[in-house]
C-alpha atoms as a PDB file:
ATOM      1  CA  MET A   1     115.405 124.495  61.703  1.00  0.00           C
ATOM      2  CA  VAL A   2     112.230 126.435  60.599  1.00  0.00           C
ATOM      3  CA  ALA A   3     112.641 125.135  57.118  1.00  0.00           C
ATOM      4  CA  ILE A   4     112.716 121.460  58.486  1.00  0.00           C
ATOM      5  CA  LEU A   5     109.604 122.043  60.452  1.00  0.00           C
ATOM      6  CA  PHE A   6     107.798 123.264  57.324  1.00  0.00           C
ATOM      7  CA  LEU A   7     109.019 120.296  55.405  1.00  0.00           C
ATOM      8  CA  VAL A   8     107.825 117.971  58.066  1.00  0.00           C
ATOM      9  CA  ASP A   9     104.403 119.712  58.023  1.00  0.00           C
ATOM     10  CA  ALA A  10     104.393 119.533  54.268  1.00  0.00           C
ATOM     11  CA  ALA A  11     105.044 115.695  54.330  1.00  0.00           C
ATOM     12  CA  LEU A  12     102.231 115.182  56.978  1.00  0.00           C
ATOM     13  CA  VAL A  13      99.686 117.180  54.866  1.00  0.00           C
ATOM     14  CA  ALA A  14     100.796 115.688  51.650  1.00  0.00           C
ATOM     15  CA  GLY A  15     100.174 112.239  53.212  1.00  0.00           C
ATOM     16  CA  LEU A  16      96.589 113.265  53.800  1.00  0.00           C
ATOM     17  CA  GLY A  17      96.238 114.723  50.407  1.00  0.00           C
ATOM     18  CA  VAL A  18      97.667 111.834  48.498  1.00  0.00           C
ATOM     19  CA  TRP A  19      95.438 109.449  50.454  1.00  0.00           C
ATOM     20  CA  MET A  20      92.395 111.582  49.766  1.00  0.00           C
ATOM     21  CA  THR A  21      93.280 111.949  46.137  1.00  0.00           C
ATOM     22  CA  VAL A  22      93.432 108.199  45.704  1.00  0.00           C
ATOM     23  CA  ALA A  23      90.260 107.675  47.622  1.00  0.00           C
ATOM     24  CA  VAL A  24      88.199 110.323  45.720  1.00  0.00           C
ATOM     25  CA  ALA A  25      89.662 109.167  42.417  1.00  0.00           C
ATOM     26  CA  ASP A  26      87.959 105.822  42.986  1.00  0.00           C
ATOM     27  CA  ASN A  27      84.691 107.755  43.763  1.00  0.00           C
ATOM     28  CA  TRP A  28      84.981 109.388  40.361  1.00  0.00           C
ATOM     29  CA  ILE A  29      86.275 106.330  38.337  1.00  0.00           C
ATOM     30  CA  HIS A  30      84.107 103.650  40.069  1.00  0.00           C
ATOM     31  CA  PRO A  31      81.265 105.564  41.811  1.00  0.00           C
ATOM     32  CA  ARG A  32      79.000 102.495  42.145  1.00  0.00           C
ATOM     33  CA  LEU A  33      81.393 100.939  44.722  1.00  0.00           C
ATOM     34  CA  ASN A  34      81.089 103.633  47.325  1.00  0.00           C
ATOM     35  CA  GLU A  35      77.637 104.839  46.418  1.00  0.00           C
ATOM     36  CA  GLU A  36      76.401 101.282  46.999  1.00  0.00           C
ATOM     37  CA  ALA A  37      78.260 101.269  50.424  1.00  0.00           C
ATOM     38  CA  VAL A  38      76.607 104.547  51.417  1.00  0.00           C
ATOM     39  CA  ALA A  39      73.209 103.023  50.258  1.00  0.00           C
ATOM     40  CA  LEU A  40      73.796  99.928  52.259  1.00  0.00           C
ATOM     41  CA  VAL A  41      74.213 101.917  55.490  1.00  0.00           C
ATOM     42  CA  VAL A  42      71.368 104.365  54.978  1.00  0.00           C
ATOM     43  CA  ARG A  43      68.920 101.710  53.778  1.00  0.00           C
ATOM     44  CA  MET A  44      69.654  99.885  56.993  1.00  0.00           C
ATOM     45  CA  GLU A  45      68.986  96.414  55.363  1.00  0.00           C
ATOM     46  CA  LEU A  46      71.565  94.498  57.315  1.00  0.00           C
ATOM     47  CA  MET A  47      70.261  95.896  60.643  1.00  0.00           C
ATOM     48  CA  GLU A  48      66.680  94.986  59.577  1.00  0.00           C
ATOM     49  CA  GLN A  49      67.686  91.399  58.851  1.00  0.00           C
ATOM     50  CA  MET A  50      70.071  90.793  61.723  1.00  0.00           C
ATOM     51  CA  TYR A  51      68.538  92.932  64.574  1.00  0.00           C
ATOM     52  CA  PRO A  52      64.773  93.298  63.574  1.00  0.00           C
ATOM     53  CA  ASP A  53      63.606  94.368  67.042  1.00  0.00           C
ATOM     54  CA  ASP A  54      66.356  97.058  67.232  1.00  0.00           C
ATOM     55  CA  PHE A  55      65.692  98.211  63.679  1.00  0.00           C
ATOM     56  CA  ALA A  56      61.958  98.683  64.550  1.00  0.00           C
ATOM     57  CA  ILE A  57      62.826 101.309  66.976  1.00  0.00           C
ATOM     58  CA  ILE A  58      64.729 103.510  64.456  1.00  0.00           C
ATOM     59  CA  ALA A  59      63.217 102.329  61.126  1.00  0.00           C
ATOM     60  CA  HIS A  60      61.928 105.842  60.464  1.00  0.00           C
ATOM     61  CA  ARG A  61      65.451 106.902  59.774  1.00  0.00           C
ATOM     62  CA  ARG A  62      65.842 104.710  56.756  1.00  0.00           C
ATOM     63  CA  ILE A  63      66.419 106.337  53.415  1.00  0.00           C
ATOM     64  CA  ASP A  64      65.743 104.256  50.394  1.00  0.00           C
ATOM     65  CA  SER A  65      65.390 106.900  47.682  1.00  0.00           C
ATOM     66  CA  PRO A  66      68.042 106.315  45.022  1.00  0.00           C
ATOM     67  CA  GLU A  67      67.812 109.892  43.996  1.00  0.00           C
ATOM     68  CA  LEU A  68      68.478 111.101  47.603  1.00  0.00           C
ATOM     69  CA  ILE A  69      71.230 108.472  48.241  1.00  0.00           C
ATOM     70  CA  GLY A  70      72.821 109.577  44.935  1.00  0.00           C
ATOM     71  CA  ARG A  71      72.771 113.192  46.012  1.00  0.00           C
ATOM     72  CA  MET A  72      74.271 112.340  49.293  1.00  0.00           C
ATOM     73  CA  PHE A  73      77.049 110.427  47.531  1.00  0.00           C
ATOM     74  CA  ARG A  74      77.799 113.237  45.219  1.00  0.00           C
ATOM     75  CA  THR A  75      77.915 115.723  48.008  1.00  0.00           C
ATOM     76  CA  VAL A  76      80.392 113.685  49.849  1.00  0.00           C
ATOM     77  CA  ARG A  77      82.380 113.260  46.678  1.00  0.00           C
ATOM     78  CA  LEU A  78      82.372 116.989  46.047  1.00  0.00           C
ATOM     79  CA  PHE A  79      83.760 117.730  49.624  1.00  0.00           C
ATOM     80  CA  GLU A  80      86.347 114.913  49.280  1.00  0.00           C
ATOM     81  CA  THR A  81      87.503 116.386  45.980  1.00  0.00           C
ATOM     82  CA  LEU A  82      87.781 119.913  47.490  1.00  0.00           C
ATOM     83  CA  ALA A  83      89.807 118.427  50.510  1.00  0.00           C
ATOM     84  CA  ALA A  84      92.151 116.578  48.138  1.00  0.00           C
ATOM     85  CA  VAL A  85      92.877 119.699  46.122  1.00  0.00           C
ATOM     86  CA  LEU A  86      93.328 121.922  49.214  1.00  0.00           C
ATOM     87  CA  LEU A  87      95.508 119.372  51.022  1.00  0.00           C
ATOM     88  CA  LEU A  88      97.847 119.098  48.124  1.00  0.00           C
ATOM     89  CA  LEU A  89      97.910 122.859  47.625  1.00  0.00           C
ATOM     90  CA  SER A  90      98.621 123.347  51.249  1.00  0.00           C
ATOM     91  CA  ALA A  91     101.457 120.728  51.149  1.00  0.00           C
ATOM     92  CA  LEU A  92     102.924 122.699  48.245  1.00  0.00           C
ATOM     93  CA  LEU A  93     102.624 125.972  50.126  1.00  0.00           C
ATOM     94  CA  LEU A  94     104.383 124.467  53.118  1.00  0.00           C
ATOM     95  CA  ALA A  95     107.257 123.325  50.883  1.00  0.00           C
ATOM     96  CA  LEU A  96     107.513 126.798  49.483  1.00  0.00           C
ATOM     97  CA  ALA A  97     107.442 128.210  52.949  1.00  0.00           C
ATOM     98  CA  ALA A  98     110.356 126.044  53.791  1.00  0.00           C
ATOM     99  CA  ALA A  99     112.154 127.617  50.729  1.00  0.00           C
ATOM    100  CA  GLY A 100     111.204 131.065  51.886  1.00  0.00           C
ATOM    101  CA  VAL A 101     109.087 131.649  48.773  1.00  0.00           C
ATOM    102  CA  VAL A 102     105.781 132.202  50.612  1.00  0.00           C
ATOM    103  CA  ALA A 103     104.847 133.439  54.092  1.00  0.00           C
ATOM    104  CA  GLY A 104     104.780 130.480  56.684  1.00  0.00           C
ATOM    105  CA  THR A 105     101.574 131.959  58.238  1.00  0.00           C
ATOM    106  CA  LEU A 106      99.807 131.615  54.842  1.00  0.00           C
ATOM    107  CA  ALA A 107     101.084 128.105  54.359  1.00  0.00           C
ATOM    108  CA  THR A 108     100.280 126.974  57.821  1.00  0.00           C
ATOM    109  CA  GLY A 109      96.875 128.625  57.740  1.00  0.00           C
ATOM    110  CA  ALA A 110      95.970 126.859  54.571  1.00  0.00           C
ATOM    111  CA  ALA A 111      97.255 123.517  56.009  1.00  0.00           C
ATOM    112  CA  ILE A 112      95.170 123.980  59.067  1.00  0.00           C
ATOM    113  CA  LEU A 113      92.018 124.746  57.058  1.00  0.00           C
ATOM    114  CA  SER A 114      92.457 121.789  54.688  1.00  0.00           C
ATOM    115  CA  SER A 115      93.295 119.410  57.400  1.00  0.00           C
ATOM    116  CA  THR A 116      90.260 120.566  59.339  1.00  0.00           C
ATOM    117  CA  LEU A 117      88.208 119.770  56.199  1.00  0.00           C
ATOM    118  CA  PHE A 118      89.674 116.293  56.096  1.00  0.00           C
ATOM    119  CA  VAL A 119      88.804 115.649  59.735  1.00  0.00           C
ATOM    120  CA  SER A 120      85.347 117.103  59.342  1.00  0.00           C
ATOM    121  CA  ILE A 121      84.613 114.685  56.360  1.00  0.00           C
ATOM    122  CA  TRP A 122      85.356 111.785  58.561  1.00  0.00           C
ATOM    123  CA  ALA A 123      83.609 113.160  61.585  1.00  0.00           C
ATOM    124  CA  GLY A 124      80.620 113.702  59.271  1.00  0.00           C
ATOM    125  CA  PHE A 125      80.701 109.926  58.409  1.00  0.00           C
ATOM    126  CA  VAL A 126      80.952 108.919  62.130  1.00  0.00           C
ATOM    127  CA  ILE A 127      78.094 111.249  63.019  1.00  0.00           C
ATOM    128  CA  GLY A 128      75.926 110.165  60.097  1.00  0.00           C
ATOM    129  CA  GLY A 129      76.838 106.565  60.585  1.00  0.00           C
ATOM    130  CA  ASN A 130      75.790 106.930  64.180  1.00  0.00           C
ATOM    131  CA  TYR A 131      72.359 108.225  63.140  1.00  0.00           C
ATOM    132  CA  PHE A 132      71.949 105.173  61.003  1.00  0.00           C
ATOM    133  CA  ALA A 133      73.387 102.841  63.804  1.00  0.00           C
ATOM    134  CA  TYR A 134      76.137 101.535  61.526  1.00  0.00           C
ATOM    135  CA  TRP A 135      77.933 100.057  64.603  1.00  0.00           C
ATOM    136  CA  TYR A 136      75.417  97.170  64.404  1.00  0.00           C
ATOM    137  CA  CYS A 137      76.593  95.823  61.028  1.00  0.00           C
ATOM    138  CA  HIS A 138      79.240  98.183  59.592  1.00  0.00           C
ATOM    139  CA  GLN A 139      81.928  98.105  62.223  1.00  0.00           C
ATOM    140  CA  TRP A 140      84.706  98.108  59.730  1.00  0.00           C
ATOM    141  CA  ALA A 141      83.384 101.321  58.220  1.00  0.00           C
ATOM    142  CA  GLN A 142      83.019 102.903  61.608  1.00  0.00           C
ATOM    143  CA  SER A 143      86.466 101.876  62.610  1.00  0.00           C
ATOM    144  CA  ASN A 144      87.902 103.098  59.284  1.00  0.00           C
ATOM    145  CA  HIS A 145      86.234 106.520  59.651  1.00  0.00           C
ATOM    146  CA  PHE A 146      87.522 106.923  63.216  1.00  0.00           C
ATOM    147  CA  MET A 147      91.086 106.018  62.199  1.00  0.00           C
ATOM    148  CA  LEU A 148      90.971 108.559  59.267  1.00  0.00           C
ATOM    149  CA  MET A 149      89.524 111.193  61.663  1.00  0.00           C
ATOM    150  CA  TYR A 150      92.327 110.556  64.139  1.00  0.00           C
ATOM    151  CA  TRP A 151      94.962 110.587  61.569  1.00  0.00           C
ATOM    152  CA  GLY A 152      93.791 114.009  60.364  1.00  0.00           C
ATOM    153  CA  PHE A 153      93.496 115.201  63.890  1.00  0.00           C
ATOM    154  CA  PHE A 154      96.988 114.254  64.757  1.00  0.00           C
ATOM    155  CA  VAL A 155      98.282 116.085  61.647  1.00  0.00           C
ATOM    156  CA  LEU A 156      96.252 119.095  62.763  1.00  0.00           C
ATOM    157  CA  LEU A 157      97.793 119.027  66.280  1.00  0.00           C
ATOM    158  CA  VAL A 158     101.295 119.004  64.793  1.00  0.00           C
ATOM    159  CA  LEU A 159     100.377 121.930  62.474  1.00  0.00           C
ATOM    160  CA  MET A 160      99.157 123.922  65.501  1.00  0.00           C
ATOM    161  CA  LEU A 161     102.243 123.356  67.708  1.00  0.00           C
END
């Protein structure tokens, strides 16, 4: 029964890891796509056009420096890459724990840490997006970030049970 639980945990963590790997691969292969999406949020252009009175209240938050936006994007990409690697490694450790090759506490600890990193990345987007009021014009992004954060949180809960 313990082996089955480790295999279930491995599958759940592998799901996060494979998703993150596919996502971050796009950020390496086609960086312009997501870097421009980040820029669109932090430049607050849509809010300025669609809600000029509300934009005026928080216009001081705008970031329009291409260098700073590029650094922000590369930092996010670095943490996403780290999360992808750690999640896949954790899934492997959990599978090895199911086979009795590595200690279950090591595998579970690694999975908890890597899943927490996954959750933290998306929580960071929710918090950062809130700072730039992305709920005004980027609801799809906010919803996506919340769903990813919840997915990781539910995996984390399973790992901690």
